[in-house]
Amino acid sequence: MVDIRRGTIDDLPQVHALIRELAEFEKAPQEVTTTVLEMERDGFGENPIYKFFVAEGENGIVGIALYYTAYSTWKGRTLYLEDLVVTEFMRRTGIGRKLFNAVAQEAKDTGAKRFRWQVLDWNEPAITFYKQVGAEISSEWYTCTMTEEQIQQYAN
């Protein structure tokens, strides 16, 4: 039995381990530079900027859905799902859907006009799932990113 609940500060070490597991799955383990202390500050400090749900079973936390509120100038309040992770040995058991449902309900409860996330083009199981829930998968928008170093070097 797995329960879905709101995440707490005490969950962060296990959450961080799942984030590292996701990075391994996505073949980018070197990209995780956040620390548990940074996650404590950013999620539970003076100005929290993210929230999360956890899936907890007898083996501890086996899944997370981390999200935050963004704003669309065209649509308004947007709930952005940053990561949906289920540990490998628990995948294909319905936990991902339960976590997704919790965030979708949060979008409804907070009056979000848009619910958004990204998926890698090679992650066929996730793409199939997102199509099943009725999501629109767009290929017309490119994701643009600047690294911390690029931000610091940017001359305006």
Protein backbone atom coordinates (compact mmCIF):
# COMPACT_ATOMS: atom_id res chain seq x y z
CA MET A 1 0.00 0.00 0.00
CA VAL A 2 1.32 3.42 -0.96
CA ASP A 3 -0.03 6.68 0.44
CA ILE A 4 0.19 10.04 -1.33
CA ARG A 5 0.75 13.00 0.98
CA ARG A 6 2.22 16.49 0.99
CA GLY A 7 5.96 16.52 1.41
CA THR A 8 7.69 17.83 4.52
CA ILE A 9 11.16 19.11 5.29
CA ASP A 10 12.00 15.73 6.87
CA ASP A 11 11.37 14.03 3.51
CA LEU A 12 14.07 15.98 1.69
CA PRO A 13 16.97 13.50 2.03
CA GLN A 14 14.83 10.77 0.40
CA VAL A 15 13.46 13.26 -2.15
CA HIS A 16 16.99 14.31 -3.07
CA ALA A 17 17.97 10.64 -3.52
CA LEU A 18 15.04 10.18 -5.94
CA ILE A 19 16.09 13.27 -7.86
CA ARG A 20 19.56 11.75 -8.22
CA GLU A 21 17.96 8.50 -9.38
CA LEU A 22 15.99 10.43 -12.00
CA ALA A 23 19.19 12.10 -13.22
CA GLU A 24 20.78 8.67 -13.62
CA PHE A 25 17.74 7.48 -15.60
CA GLU A 26 17.98 10.57 -17.83
CA LYS A 27 21.70 9.91 -18.34
CA ALA A 28 22.73 13.18 -16.70
CA PRO A 29 23.85 12.42 -13.12
CA GLN A 30 26.42 15.23 -13.19
CA GLU A 31 23.64 17.80 -13.69
CA VAL A 32 22.27 17.51 -10.13
CA THR A 33 23.99 20.25 -8.16
CA THR A 34 21.28 21.06 -5.63
CA THR A 35 21.84 20.00 -2.04
CA VAL A 36 19.39 19.02 0.66
CA LEU A 37 20.25 22.29 2.45
CA GLU A 38 19.38 24.32 -0.65
CA MET A 39 16.13 22.41 -0.99
CA GLU A 40 15.34 23.15 2.67
CA ARG A 41 15.93 26.86 2.11
CA ASP A 42 14.04 27.02 -1.18
CA GLY A 43 11.06 24.92 -0.12
CA PHE A 44 10.74 25.69 3.57
CA GLY A 45 12.56 28.97 4.13
CA GLU A 46 11.23 32.49 4.37
CA ASN A 47 9.96 32.52 0.79
CA PRO A 48 9.13 28.94 -0.33
CA ILE A 49 9.24 28.55 -4.11
CA TYR A 50 8.17 24.93 -4.56
CA LYS A 51 5.97 22.23 -3.03
CA PHE A 52 5.82 18.49 -3.50
CA PHE A 53 3.84 15.35 -2.91
CA VAL A 54 5.40 12.06 -1.91
CA ALA A 55 4.34 8.47 -2.41
CA GLU A 56 5.21 6.61 0.76
CA GLY A 57 5.10 2.88 1.29
CA GLU A 58 6.67 0.33 3.58
CA ASN A 59 10.05 1.00 1.91
CA GLY A 60 9.85 4.74 2.63
CA ILE A 61 9.38 7.36 -0.06
CA VAL A 62 9.16 5.68 -3.46
CA GLY A 63 7.94 8.61 -5.56
CA ILE A 64 7.70 12.39 -5.70
CA ALA A 65 5.95 15.08 -7.69
CA LEU A 66 7.62 18.47 -7.27
CA TYR A 67 5.81 21.55 -8.58
CA TYR A 68 5.61 25.32 -8.33
CA THR A 69 3.34 28.16 -9.37
CA ALA A 70 4.28 30.19 -12.42
CA TYR A 71 2.40 32.89 -14.30
CA SER A 72 1.38 33.12 -17.94
CA THR A 73 0.74 36.60 -19.25
CA TRP A 74 -1.82 35.07 -21.62
CA LYS A 75 -3.52 32.61 -19.28
CA GLY A 76 -2.70 33.54 -15.68
CA ARG A 77 -1.83 31.16 -12.85
CA THR A 78 0.08 28.12 -14.07
CA LEU A 79 1.03 25.06 -12.07
CA TYR A 80 4.34 23.71 -13.35
CA LEU A 81 5.25 20.10 -12.62
CA GLU A 82 9.04 20.10 -12.45
CA ASP A 83 9.61 16.42 -11.70
CA LEU A 84 7.52 13.29 -11.40
CA VAL A 85 9.73 10.44 -10.20
CA VAL A 86 8.95 6.89 -9.14
CA THR A 87 11.81 4.69 -8.02
CA GLU A 88 12.65 2.06 -10.61
CA PHE A 89 11.42 -1.03 -8.74
CA MET A 90 7.99 0.59 -8.20
CA ARG A 91 7.36 1.84 -11.75
CA ARG A 92 4.28 0.59 -13.62
CA THR A 93 2.34 0.10 -10.38
CA GLY A 94 0.09 3.18 -10.66
CA ILE A 95 2.11 5.36 -8.28
CA GLY A 96 3.02 7.86 -11.01
CA ARG A 97 -0.65 8.29 -11.88
CA LYS A 98 -1.52 8.86 -8.21
CA LEU A 99 1.17 11.52 -7.89
CA PHE A 100 0.10 13.13 -11.17
CA ASN A 101 -3.52 13.12 -9.96
CA ALA A 102 -2.48 14.87 -6.73
CA VAL A 103 -0.78 17.68 -8.66
CA ALA A 104 -3.69 17.95 -11.12
CA GLN A 105 -6.05 18.29 -8.14
CA GLU A 106 -3.78 20.97 -6.69
CA ALA A 107 -4.04 22.82 -10.02
CA LYS A 108 -7.84 22.68 -9.74
CA ASP A 109 -7.86 23.66 -6.07
CA THR A 110 -5.60 26.68 -6.62
CA GLY A 111 -7.49 27.95 -9.66
CA ALA A 112 -4.70 27.30 -12.14
CA LYS A 113 -5.56 28.17 -15.74
CA ARG A 114 -2.78 25.96 -17.05
CA PHE A 115 -0.95 22.82 -15.89
CA ARG A 116 2.39 22.33 -17.59
CA TRP A 117 5.43 20.05 -17.61
CA GLN A 118 8.09 18.71 -19.96
CA VAL A 119 8.98 15.20 -21.07
CA LEU A 120 12.07 13.97 -22.87
CA ASP A 121 11.38 12.95 -26.46
CA TRP A 122 12.79 9.45 -25.87
CA ASN A 123 10.74 8.70 -22.74
CA GLU A 124 8.03 6.71 -24.52
CA PRO A 125 6.33 5.31 -21.39
CA ALA A 126 5.86 8.83 -20.02
CA ILE A 127 4.69 10.19 -23.39
CA THR A 128 2.15 7.36 -23.66
CA PHE A 129 0.89 8.09 -20.15
CA TYR A 130 0.58 11.83 -20.80
CA LYS A 131 -1.37 11.17 -24.00
CA GLN A 132 -3.67 8.82 -22.06
CA VAL A 133 -4.52 11.58 -19.58
CA GLY A 134 -5.37 13.91 -22.46
CA ALA A 135 -2.32 16.14 -22.40
CA GLU A 136 -1.36 18.12 -25.47
CA ILE A 137 2.25 17.47 -26.40
CA SER A 138 3.62 20.42 -28.33
CA SER A 139 6.62 20.39 -30.63
CA GLU A 140 6.34 24.05 -31.55
CA TRP A 141 8.02 25.46 -28.43
CA TYR A 142 11.72 25.13 -27.67
CA THR A 143 13.03 25.06 -24.12
CA CYS A 144 15.62 27.79 -23.55
CA THR A 145 18.02 27.61 -20.63
CA MET A 146 20.91 29.60 -19.24
CA THR A 147 23.23 27.94 -16.73
CA GLU A 148 24.33 29.69 -13.55
CA GLU A 149 27.64 30.49 -15.25
CA GLN A 150 25.88 31.91 -18.30
CA ILE A 151 23.67 34.06 -16.08
CA GLN A 152 26.73 35.45 -14.29
CA GLN A 153 28.51 36.14 -17.60
CA TYR A 154 25.49 37.74 -19.25
CA ALA A 155 26.25 41.38 -19.96
CA ASN A 156 23.23 43.61 -20.25
